C-alpha atoms as a PDB file:
ATOM      1  CA  MET A   1     -41.474   3.324  29.249  1.00  0.00           C
ATOM      2  CA  SER A   2     -41.021  -0.026  27.497  1.00  0.00           C
ATOM      3  CA  LYS A   3     -41.626   1.630  24.118  1.00  0.00           C
ATOM      4  CA  LYS A   4     -38.915   4.214  24.837  1.00  0.00           C
ATOM      5  CA  LEU A   5     -36.495   1.454  25.820  1.00  0.00           C
ATOM      6  CA  ALA A   6     -37.328  -0.445  22.630  1.00  0.00           C
ATOM      7  CA  ASN A   7     -36.695   2.676  20.517  1.00  0.00           C
ATOM      8  CA  LEU A   8     -33.445   3.339  22.360  1.00  0.00           C
ATOM      9  CA  TYR A   9     -32.367  -0.257  21.763  1.00  0.00           C
ATOM     10  CA  LEU A  10     -33.116   0.049  18.032  1.00  0.00           C
ATOM     11  CA  ILE A  11     -31.153   3.299  17.825  1.00  0.00           C
ATOM     12  CA  LEU A  12     -28.207   1.641  19.588  1.00  0.00           C
ATOM     13  CA  VAL A  13     -28.300  -1.375  17.254  1.00  0.00           C
ATOM     14  CA  PHE A  14     -28.376   0.791  14.125  1.00  0.00           C
ATOM     15  CA  ALA A  15     -25.602   2.996  15.515  1.00  0.00           C
ATOM     16  CA  VAL A  16     -23.369  -0.046  16.071  1.00  0.00           C
ATOM     17  CA  LEU A  17     -24.156  -1.373  12.582  1.00  0.00           C
ATOM     18  CA  TYR A  18     -23.664   1.865  10.658  1.00  0.00           C
ATOM     19  CA  ALA A  19     -20.941   3.632  12.678  1.00  0.00           C
ATOM     20  CA  PRO A  20     -18.057   1.669  11.049  1.00  0.00           C
ATOM     21  CA  ILE A  21     -19.485   2.350   7.570  1.00  0.00           C
ATOM     22  CA  VAL A  22     -19.853   6.069   8.285  1.00  0.00           C
ATOM     23  CA  PHE A  23     -16.320   6.092   9.730  1.00  0.00           C
ATOM     24  CA  LEU A  24     -14.911   4.553   6.530  1.00  0.00           C
ATOM     25  CA  ILE A  25     -16.808   6.912   4.231  1.00  0.00           C
ATOM     26  CA  VAL A  26     -15.895  10.054   6.212  1.00  0.00           C
ATOM     27  CA  TYR A  27     -12.182   9.223   6.046  1.00  0.00           C
ATOM     28  CA  SER A  28     -12.433   8.546   2.315  1.00  0.00           C
ATOM     29  CA  PHE A  29     -12.628  12.351   1.964  1.00  0.00           C
ATOM     30  CA  SER A  30      -9.581  12.983   4.164  1.00  0.00           C
ATOM     31  CA  GLN A  31      -6.460  14.555   2.654  1.00  0.00           C
ATOM     32  CA  GLY A  32      -4.248  12.250   4.728  1.00  0.00           C
ATOM     33  CA  GLU A  33      -3.056   8.746   3.904  1.00  0.00           C
ATOM     34  CA  THR A  34      -4.236   6.969   7.059  1.00  0.00           C
ATOM     35  CA  MET A  35      -7.278   6.979   9.348  1.00  0.00           C
ATOM     36  CA  THR A  36      -5.409   8.268  12.393  1.00  0.00           C
ATOM     37  CA  ASN A  37      -6.486  11.897  11.917  1.00  0.00           C
ATOM     38  CA  TYR A  38      -8.818  13.760   9.589  1.00  0.00           C
ATOM     39  CA  HIS A  39      -6.801  16.244   7.479  1.00  0.00           C
ATOM     40  CA  GLY A  40      -9.470  18.121   5.552  1.00  0.00           C
ATOM     41  CA  PHE A  41     -11.829  17.460   2.661  1.00  0.00           C
ATOM     42  CA  THR A  42     -10.623  16.137  -0.700  1.00  0.00           C
ATOM     43  CA  TRP A  43     -11.802  14.060  -3.656  1.00  0.00           C
ATOM     44  CA  ARG A  44      -8.246  12.771  -4.284  1.00  0.00           C
ATOM     45  CA  HIS A  45      -8.850   9.202  -3.144  1.00  0.00           C
ATOM     46  CA  TYR A  46     -11.889   8.887  -5.407  1.00  0.00           C
ATOM     47  CA  GLN A  47      -9.841  10.242  -8.323  1.00  0.00           C
ATOM     48  CA  THR A  48      -7.150   7.659  -7.529  1.00  0.00           C
ATOM     49  CA  LEU A  49      -9.777   4.939  -7.381  1.00  0.00           C
ATOM     50  CA  PHE A  50     -11.306   5.778 -10.767  1.00  0.00           C
ATOM     51  CA  SER A  51      -7.853   6.048 -12.384  1.00  0.00           C
ATOM     52  CA  ASP A  52      -6.815   2.612 -11.037  1.00  0.00           C
ATOM     53  CA  ALA A  53      -7.303   0.355 -14.076  1.00  0.00           C
ATOM     54  CA  ARG A  54      -6.728  -2.830 -12.083  1.00  0.00           C
ATOM     55  CA  MET A  55      -9.332  -1.918  -9.474  1.00  0.00           C
ATOM     56  CA  LEU A  56     -11.887  -0.963 -12.115  1.00  0.00           C
ATOM     57  CA  ALA A  57     -11.327  -4.303 -13.858  1.00  0.00           C
ATOM     58  CA  ILE A  58     -11.850  -6.118 -10.546  1.00  0.00           C
ATOM     59  CA  VAL A  59     -15.070  -4.161  -9.931  1.00  0.00           C
ATOM     60  CA  ALA A  60     -16.261  -5.166 -13.417  1.00  0.00           C
ATOM     61  CA  ASN A  61     -15.359  -8.820 -12.683  1.00  0.00           C
ATOM     62  CA  THR A  62     -17.244  -8.722  -9.390  1.00  0.00           C
ATOM     63  CA  LEU A  63     -20.375  -7.189 -10.903  1.00  0.00           C
ATOM     64  CA  LEU A  64     -20.289  -9.578 -13.871  1.00  0.00           C
ATOM     65  CA  VAL A  65     -19.999 -12.640 -11.622  1.00  0.00           C
ATOM     66  CA  ALA A  66     -22.710 -11.316  -9.296  1.00  0.00           C
ATOM     67  CA  LEU A  67     -25.193 -10.538 -12.076  1.00  0.00           C
ATOM     68  CA  LEU A  68     -24.620 -13.734 -14.072  1.00  0.00           C
ATOM     69  CA  SER A  69     -24.656 -16.022 -11.035  1.00  0.00           C
ATOM     70  CA  SER A  70     -27.774 -14.311  -9.643  1.00  0.00           C
ATOM     71  CA  LEU A  71     -29.682 -14.635 -12.915  1.00  0.00           C
ATOM     72  CA  ILE A  72     -28.748 -18.299 -13.394  1.00  0.00           C
ATOM     73  CA  ALA A  73     -29.348 -19.131  -9.720  1.00  0.00           C
ATOM     74  CA  THR A  74     -32.736 -17.372  -9.839  1.00  0.00           C
ATOM     75  CA  LEU A  75     -33.788 -19.427 -12.874  1.00  0.00           C
ATOM     76  CA  ILE A  76     -32.607 -22.748 -11.412  1.00  0.00           C
ATOM     77  CA  GLY A  77     -33.842 -21.922  -7.902  1.00  0.00           C
ATOM     78  CA  THR A  78     -37.306 -20.947  -9.159  1.00  0.00           C
ATOM     79  CA  LEU A  79     -37.609 -24.180 -11.143  1.00  0.00           C
ATOM     80  CA  GLY A  80     -36.361 -26.098  -8.103  1.00  0.00           C
ATOM     81  CA  ALA A  81     -38.950 -24.448  -5.862  1.00  0.00           C
ATOM     82  CA  LEU A  82     -41.681 -25.328  -8.358  1.00  0.00           C
ATOM     83  CA  GLY A  83     -40.495 -28.933  -8.386  1.00  0.00           C
ATOM     84  CA  ILE A  84     -40.329 -29.185  -4.585  1.00  0.00           C
ATOM     85  CA  ASN A  85     -43.780 -27.614  -4.259  1.00  0.00           C
ATOM     86  CA  ARG A  86     -45.291 -30.132  -6.684  1.00  0.00           C
ATOM     87  CA  THR A  87     -43.783 -33.098  -4.830  1.00  0.00           C
ATOM     88  CA  THR A  88     -46.667 -34.986  -3.229  1.00  0.00           C
ATOM     89  CA  LYS A  89     -44.734 -37.333  -0.940  1.00  0.00           C
ATOM     90  CA  ARG A  90     -43.877 -35.589   2.307  1.00  0.00           C
ATOM     91  CA  VAL A  91     -40.708 -37.628   2.919  1.00  0.00           C
ATOM     92  CA  THR A  92     -39.367 -36.778  -0.533  1.00  0.00           C
ATOM     93  CA  ARG A  93     -40.240 -33.111  -0.148  1.00  0.00           C
ATOM     94  CA  GLU A  94     -38.589 -32.828   3.274  1.00  0.00           C
ATOM     95  CA  SER A  95     -35.506 -34.669   1.991  1.00  0.00           C
ATOM     96  CA  LEU A  96     -35.185 -32.235  -0.918  1.00  0.00           C
ATOM     97  CA  LEU A  97     -35.551 -29.262   1.434  1.00  0.00           C
ATOM     98  CA  THR A  98     -32.895 -30.715   3.730  1.00  0.00           C
ATOM     99  CA  LEU A  99     -30.486 -31.139   0.824  1.00  0.00           C
ATOM    100  CA  ASN A 100     -31.285 -27.613  -0.314  1.00  0.00           C
ATOM    101  CA  ASN A 101     -30.495 -26.213   3.132  1.00  0.00           C
ATOM    102  CA  VAL A 102     -27.128 -27.963   3.479  1.00  0.00           C
ATOM    103  CA  LEU A 103     -25.264 -25.131   1.746  1.00  0.00           C
ATOM    104  CA  MET A 104     -27.141 -22.575   3.860  1.00  0.00           C
ATOM    105  CA  VAL A 105     -25.952 -23.995   7.188  1.00  0.00           C
ATOM    106  CA  SER A 106     -22.488 -25.211   6.140  1.00  0.00           C
ATOM    107  CA  PRO A 107     -19.517 -22.954   7.036  1.00  0.00           C
ATOM    108  CA  ASP A 108     -18.202 -20.950   4.094  1.00  0.00           C
ATOM    109  CA  VAL A 109     -14.689 -22.303   4.661  1.00  0.00           C
ATOM    110  CA  ILE A 110     -15.931 -25.887   4.271  1.00  0.00           C
ATOM    111  CA  ILE A 111     -17.884 -24.983   1.142  1.00  0.00           C
ATOM    112  CA  GLY A 112     -14.895 -23.182  -0.363  1.00  0.00           C
ATOM    113  CA  ALA A 113     -12.503 -26.043   0.406  1.00  0.00           C
ATOM    114  CA  SER A 114     -14.996 -28.565  -1.032  1.00  0.00           C
ATOM    115  CA  PHE A 115     -15.284 -26.620  -4.278  1.00  0.00           C
ATOM    116  CA  LEU A 116     -11.494 -26.306  -4.478  1.00  0.00           C
ATOM    117  CA  ILE A 117     -11.060 -30.080  -4.136  1.00  0.00           C
ATOM    118  CA  PHE A 118     -13.889 -30.690  -6.626  1.00  0.00           C
ATOM    119  CA  PHE A 119     -12.432 -28.387  -9.292  1.00  0.00           C
ATOM    120  CA  THR A 120      -8.919 -29.740  -8.722  1.00  0.00           C
ATOM    121  CA  MET A 121     -10.086 -33.354  -9.132  1.00  0.00           C
ATOM    122  CA  LEU A 122     -11.882 -32.495 -12.378  1.00  0.00           C
ATOM    123  CA  LYS A 123      -8.880 -30.411 -13.510  1.00  0.00           C
ATOM    124  CA  ILE A 124     -11.092 -27.347 -13.997  1.00  0.00           C
ATOM    125  CA  PRO A 125      -8.868 -24.240 -14.088  1.00  0.00           C
ATOM    126  CA  LEU A 126      -9.468 -21.779 -11.271  1.00  0.00           C
ATOM    127  CA  GLY A 127     -10.662 -18.382 -12.403  1.00  0.00           C
ATOM    128  CA  PHE A 128     -13.851 -16.794 -13.702  1.00  0.00           C
ATOM    129  CA  GLY A 129     -15.583 -20.120 -14.435  1.00  0.00           C
ATOM    130  CA  SER A 130     -14.849 -21.688 -11.049  1.00  0.00           C
ATOM    131  CA  VAL A 131     -15.959 -18.560  -9.168  1.00  0.00           C
ATOM    132  CA  LEU A 132     -19.151 -18.312 -11.247  1.00  0.00           C
ATOM    133  CA  MET A 133     -20.097 -21.976 -10.684  1.00  0.00           C
ATOM    134  CA  SER A 134     -19.389 -21.728  -6.959  1.00  0.00           C
ATOM    135  CA  HIS A 135     -21.532 -18.611  -6.581  1.00  0.00           C
ATOM    136  CA  ILE A 136     -24.394 -20.199  -8.504  1.00  0.00           C
ATOM    137  CA  ALA A 137     -24.224 -23.252  -6.237  1.00  0.00           C
ATOM    138  CA  PHE A 138     -24.532 -21.386  -2.936  1.00  0.00           C
ATOM    139  CA  GLU A 139     -27.086 -18.893  -4.288  1.00  0.00           C
ATOM    140  CA  ILE A 140     -29.607 -21.505  -5.480  1.00  0.00           C
ATOM    141  CA  PRO A 141     -30.751 -22.488  -1.943  1.00  0.00           C
ATOM    142  CA  ILE A 142     -31.356 -18.803  -1.159  1.00  0.00           C
ATOM    143  CA  VAL A 143     -33.653 -18.413  -4.171  1.00  0.00           C
ATOM    144  CA  VAL A 144     -35.510 -21.630  -3.316  1.00  0.00           C
ATOM    145  CA  LEU A 145     -36.164 -20.383   0.225  1.00  0.00           C
ATOM    146  CA  MET A 146     -37.425 -17.044  -1.109  1.00  0.00           C
ATOM    147  CA  VAL A 147     -39.765 -18.540  -3.741  1.00  0.00           C
ATOM    148  CA  LEU A 148     -41.244 -21.493  -1.802  1.00  0.00           C
ATOM    149  CA  PRO A 149     -43.297 -19.406   0.681  1.00  0.00           C
ATOM    150  CA  ARG A 150     -45.002 -17.599  -2.213  1.00  0.00           C
ATOM    151  CA  LEU A 151     -45.843 -20.917  -3.862  1.00  0.00           C
ATOM    152  CA  ARG A 152     -47.348 -22.204  -0.627  1.00  0.00           C
ATOM    153  CA  GLU A 153     -49.509 -19.074  -0.354  1.00  0.00           C
ATOM    154  CA  MET A 154     -50.980 -19.697  -3.800  1.00  0.00           C
ATOM    155  CA  SER A 155     -54.496 -21.115  -3.689  1.00  0.00           C
ATOM    156  CA  SER A 156     -55.086 -24.364  -5.555  1.00  0.00           C
ATOM    157  CA  ALA A 157     -58.567 -23.071  -6.376  1.00  0.00           C
ATOM    158  CA  MET A 158     -56.994 -20.327  -8.522  1.00  0.00           C
ATOM    159  CA  LEU A 159     -55.072 -22.925 -10.539  1.00  0.00           C
ATOM    160  CA  ASP A 160     -58.171 -25.110 -10.888  1.00  0.00           C
ATOM    161  CA  ALA A 161     -60.175 -22.118 -12.114  1.00  0.00           C
ATOM    162  CA  ALA A 162     -57.513 -21.320 -14.731  1.00  0.00           C
ATOM    163  CA  GLU A 163     -57.548 -24.930 -15.942  1.00  0.00           C
ATOM    164  CA  ASP A 164     -61.357 -24.928 -16.123  1.00  0.00           C
ATOM    165  CA  LEU A 165     -61.156 -21.828 -18.308  1.00  0.00           C
ATOM    166  CA  GLY A 166     -58.976 -23.756 -20.748  1.00  0.00           C
ATOM    167  CA  ALA A 167     -55.507 -22.582 -19.757  1.00  0.00           C
ATOM    168  CA  THR A 168     -52.666 -24.783 -21.021  1.00  0.00           C
ATOM    169  CA  THR A 169     -49.742 -25.797 -18.804  1.00  0.00           C
ATOM    170  CA  ARG A 170     -47.612 -23.075 -20.388  1.00  0.00           C
ATOM    171  CA  GLN A 171     -50.284 -20.417 -19.873  1.00  0.00           C
ATOM    172  CA  LEU A 172     -50.780 -21.604 -16.307  1.00  0.00           C
ATOM    173  CA  LEU A 173     -47.074 -21.144 -15.615  1.00  0.00           C
ATOM    174  CA  THR A 174     -46.486 -17.853 -17.440  1.00  0.00           C
ATOM    175  CA  GLN A 175     -49.802 -16.061 -16.742  1.00  0.00           C
ATOM    176  CA  VAL A 176     -50.811 -17.349 -13.308  1.00  0.00           C
ATOM    177  CA  ILE A 177     -47.955 -18.897 -11.326  1.00  0.00           C
ATOM    178  CA  ILE A 178     -45.033 -16.651 -12.345  1.00  0.00           C
ATOM    179  CA  PRO A 179     -46.928 -13.353 -11.786  1.00  0.00           C
ATOM    180  CA  PHE A 180     -48.073 -14.571  -8.368  1.00  0.00           C
ATOM    181  CA  ILE A 181     -44.621 -15.638  -7.180  1.00  0.00           C
ATOM    182  CA  SER A 182     -42.759 -12.730  -8.836  1.00  0.00           C
ATOM    183  CA  PRO A 183     -42.159 -10.920  -5.486  1.00  0.00           C
ATOM    184  CA  GLY A 184     -40.400 -14.042  -4.205  1.00  0.00           C
ATOM    185  CA  ILE A 185     -38.385 -14.318  -7.423  1.00  0.00           C
ATOM    186  CA  PHE A 186     -37.242 -10.687  -7.187  1.00  0.00           C
ATOM    187  CA  ALA A 187     -36.418 -11.134  -3.498  1.00  0.00           C
ATOM    188  CA  GLY A 188     -34.389 -14.247  -4.319  1.00  0.00           C
ATOM    189  CA  PHE A 189     -32.534 -12.452  -7.111  1.00  0.00           C
ATOM    190  CA  PHE A 190     -31.584  -9.474  -4.934  1.00  0.00           C
ATOM    191  CA  MET A 191     -30.579 -11.729  -2.041  1.00  0.00           C
ATOM    192  CA  ALA A 192     -28.424 -13.835  -4.377  1.00  0.00           C
ATOM    193  CA  LEU A 193     -26.857 -10.686  -5.830  1.00  0.00           C
ATOM    194  CA  THR A 194     -26.055  -9.402  -2.334  1.00  0.00           C
ATOM    195  CA  TYR A 195     -24.546 -12.709  -1.242  1.00  0.00           C
ATOM    196  CA  SER A 196     -22.380 -12.839  -4.359  1.00  0.00           C
ATOM    197  CA  LEU A 197     -21.073  -9.296  -3.905  1.00  0.00           C
ATOM    198  CA  ASP A 198     -20.428  -9.956  -0.216  1.00  0.00           C
ATOM    199  CA  ASP A 199     -18.786 -13.384  -0.445  1.00  0.00           C
ATOM    200  CA  PHE A 200     -15.135 -13.747   0.492  1.00  0.00           C
ATOM    201  CA  ALA A 201     -14.426 -17.209   1.931  1.00  0.00           C
ATOM    202  CA  VAL A 202     -15.714 -19.319  -0.982  1.00  0.00           C
ATOM    203  CA  THR A 203     -14.267 -16.958  -3.606  1.00  0.00           C
ATOM    204  CA  PHE A 204     -10.882 -16.920  -1.863  1.00  0.00           C
ATOM    205  CA  PHE A 205     -10.593 -20.707  -2.319  1.00  0.00           C
ATOM    206  CA  VAL A 206     -11.705 -20.953  -5.946  1.00  0.00           C
ATOM    207  CA  THR A 207     -10.228 -17.830  -7.524  1.00  0.00           C
ATOM    208  CA  GLY A 208      -7.064 -18.240  -9.606  1.00  0.00           C
ATOM    209  CA  ASN A 209      -4.133 -16.175 -10.777  1.00  0.00           C
ATOM    210  CA  GLY A 210      -5.203 -13.334 -13.036  1.00  0.00           C
ATOM    211  CA  PHE A 211      -8.766 -13.195 -11.709  1.00  0.00           C
ATOM    212  CA  SER A 212      -9.947 -11.537  -8.511  1.00  0.00           C
ATOM    213  CA  THR A 213     -13.063 -10.054  -6.936  1.00  0.00           C
ATOM    214  CA  LEU A 214     -13.468  -7.049  -4.690  1.00  0.00           C
ATOM    215  CA  SER A 215     -13.581  -8.982  -1.438  1.00  0.00           C
ATOM    216  CA  VAL A 216     -10.357 -10.875  -2.209  1.00  0.00           C
ATOM    217  CA  GLU A 217      -8.605  -7.751  -3.496  1.00  0.00           C
ATOM    218  CA  ILE A 218      -9.564  -5.678  -0.459  1.00  0.00           C
ATOM    219  CA  TYR A 219      -8.285  -8.453   1.813  1.00  0.00           C
ATOM    220  CA  SER A 220      -4.984  -8.589  -0.098  1.00  0.00           C
ATOM    221  CA  ARG A 221      -4.505  -4.819   0.062  1.00  0.00           C
ATOM    222  CA  ALA A 222      -5.520  -4.603   3.722  1.00  0.00           C
ATOM    223  CA  ARG A 223      -2.718  -7.051   4.611  1.00  0.00           C
ATOM    224  CA  GLN A 224      -0.237  -4.580   3.097  1.00  0.00           C
ATOM    225  CA  GLY A 225      -1.685  -1.638   5.056  1.00  0.00           C
ATOM    226  CA  ILE A 226      -4.936   0.291   4.898  1.00  0.00           C
ATOM    227  CA  ASN A 227      -5.062   2.688   1.957  1.00  0.00           C
ATOM    228  CA  LEU A 228      -7.781   5.347   1.842  1.00  0.00           C
ATOM    229  CA  GLU A 229      -8.523   4.259  -1.719  1.00  0.00           C
ATOM    230  CA  ILE A 230     -10.207   1.253  -0.047  1.00  0.00           C
ATOM    231  CA  ASN A 231     -12.341   3.732   1.925  1.00  0.00           C
ATOM    232  CA  ALA A 232     -13.348   5.422  -1.312  1.00  0.00           C
ATOM    233  CA  LEU A 233     -14.245   2.042  -2.791  1.00  0.00           C
ATOM    234  CA  SER A 234     -16.286   1.250   0.327  1.00  0.00           C
ATOM    235  CA  GLY A 235     -18.209   4.498  -0.150  1.00  0.00           C
ATOM    236  CA  VAL A 236     -18.984   3.663  -3.779  1.00  0.00           C
ATOM    237  CA  MET A 237     -20.085   0.130  -2.915  1.00  0.00           C
ATOM    238  CA  PHE A 238     -22.272   1.409  -0.072  1.00  0.00           C
ATOM    239  CA  LEU A 239     -23.964   3.805  -2.501  1.00  0.00           C
ATOM    240  CA  PHE A 240     -24.447   0.914  -4.934  1.00  0.00           C
ATOM    241  CA  SER A 241     -26.037  -1.141  -2.138  1.00  0.00           C
ATOM    242  CA  LEU A 242     -28.427   1.719  -1.348  1.00  0.00           C
ATOM    243  CA  LEU A 243     -29.409   1.858  -5.026  1.00  0.00           C
ATOM    244  CA  LEU A 244     -30.072  -1.906  -4.981  1.00  0.00           C
ATOM    245  CA  VAL A 245     -32.269  -1.599  -1.903  1.00  0.00           C
ATOM    246  CA  GLY A 246     -34.070   1.383  -3.411  1.00  0.00           C
ATOM    247  CA  GLY A 247     -34.623  -0.507  -6.678  1.00  0.00           C
ATOM    248  CA  TYR A 248     -36.022  -3.523  -4.857  1.00  0.00           C
ATOM    249  CA  TYR A 249     -38.320  -1.281  -2.777  1.00  0.00           C
ATOM    250  CA  TRP A 250     -39.526   0.520  -5.933  1.00  0.00           C
ATOM    251  CA  ILE A 251     -40.277  -2.806  -7.648  1.00  0.00           C
ATOM    252  CA  GLN A 252     -42.212  -4.017  -4.602  1.00  0.00           C
ATOM    253  CA  GLN A 253     -44.235  -0.803  -4.398  1.00  0.00           C
ATOM    254  CA  ALA A 254     -44.993  -0.862  -8.127  1.00  0.00           C
ATOM    255  CA  SER A 255     -46.132  -4.489  -7.865  1.00  0.00           C
ATOM    256  CA  GLN A 256     -48.435  -3.679  -4.945  1.00  0.00           C
ATOM    257  CA  LYS A 257     -49.924  -0.696  -6.806  1.00  0.00           C
ATOM    258  CA  ARG A 258     -50.652  -2.853  -9.869  1.00  0.00           C
ATOM    259  CA  LYS A 259     -52.370  -5.457  -7.696  1.00  0.00           C
ATOM    260  CA  HIS A 260     -54.399  -2.735  -5.975  1.00  0.00           C
ATOM    261  CA  ARG A 261     -55.523  -1.290  -9.341  1.00  0.00           C
ATOM    262  CA  LYS A 262     -56.525  -4.761 -10.593  1.00  0.00           C
ATOM    263  CA  ARG A 263     -58.617  -5.323  -7.466  1.00  0.00           C
ATOM    264  CA  GLU A 264     -60.330  -1.966  -7.951  1.00  0.00           C
ATOM    265  CA  VAL A 265     -61.110  -2.786 -11.593  1.00  0.00           C
ATOM    266  CA  ALA A 266     -62.392  -6.253 -10.644  1.00  0.00           C
ATOM    267  CA  SER A 267     -64.629  -4.845  -7.929  1.00  0.00           C
END
């Protein structure tokens, strides 16, 4: 009985989570202009979306910021995790982790306002650069938290064995440490990418005239009235998210298969 209740609870949770998304996507194929009634199937809103030069430019801006910030944040976050893991003093290590987690627990509005004041004081123009730097800043702690557990799982005996076999510091990093923590690195990258695509509050504060991202643009258009072109965009972005999840799952499965084959060869 308890198992049935648990399954029913899971079904209810997923229904609540996905019902609004399904609702948006279904109405993106409606011939009407609003979501009051469904007026029959059409691709018109998708055609409007892909002929909207401004929207396509904003999508390109969003993807560019997300990819660049995720790559840079993954590099910095991985190096930061390596540095924290090598710190021998517990007080220093805990202090670094606390500082790393500040951006994770701080409200987005506070972070956005802080970046706005910071860029204004330094007279940095608001636009692509300010959005990119802000995204990198709040993505780094995510990557650190994804990579650190993998580093802590790594056996010191494996590193000692590699050093005994004559491995240099560079070989130790590139051929032992990086391959071992690669699942955490990929997880950090995809999490950072998702956070960047999803962010609104921080971006809203630091974006300038002439530059916008999807979240800010959708908010601006929604204030003027819901257009079913936004529904079509939501459908495209949901499909893109599914592809991201599928790509991450494929990478994880491929990594596990390679490890399994290596174990079979070694045995």
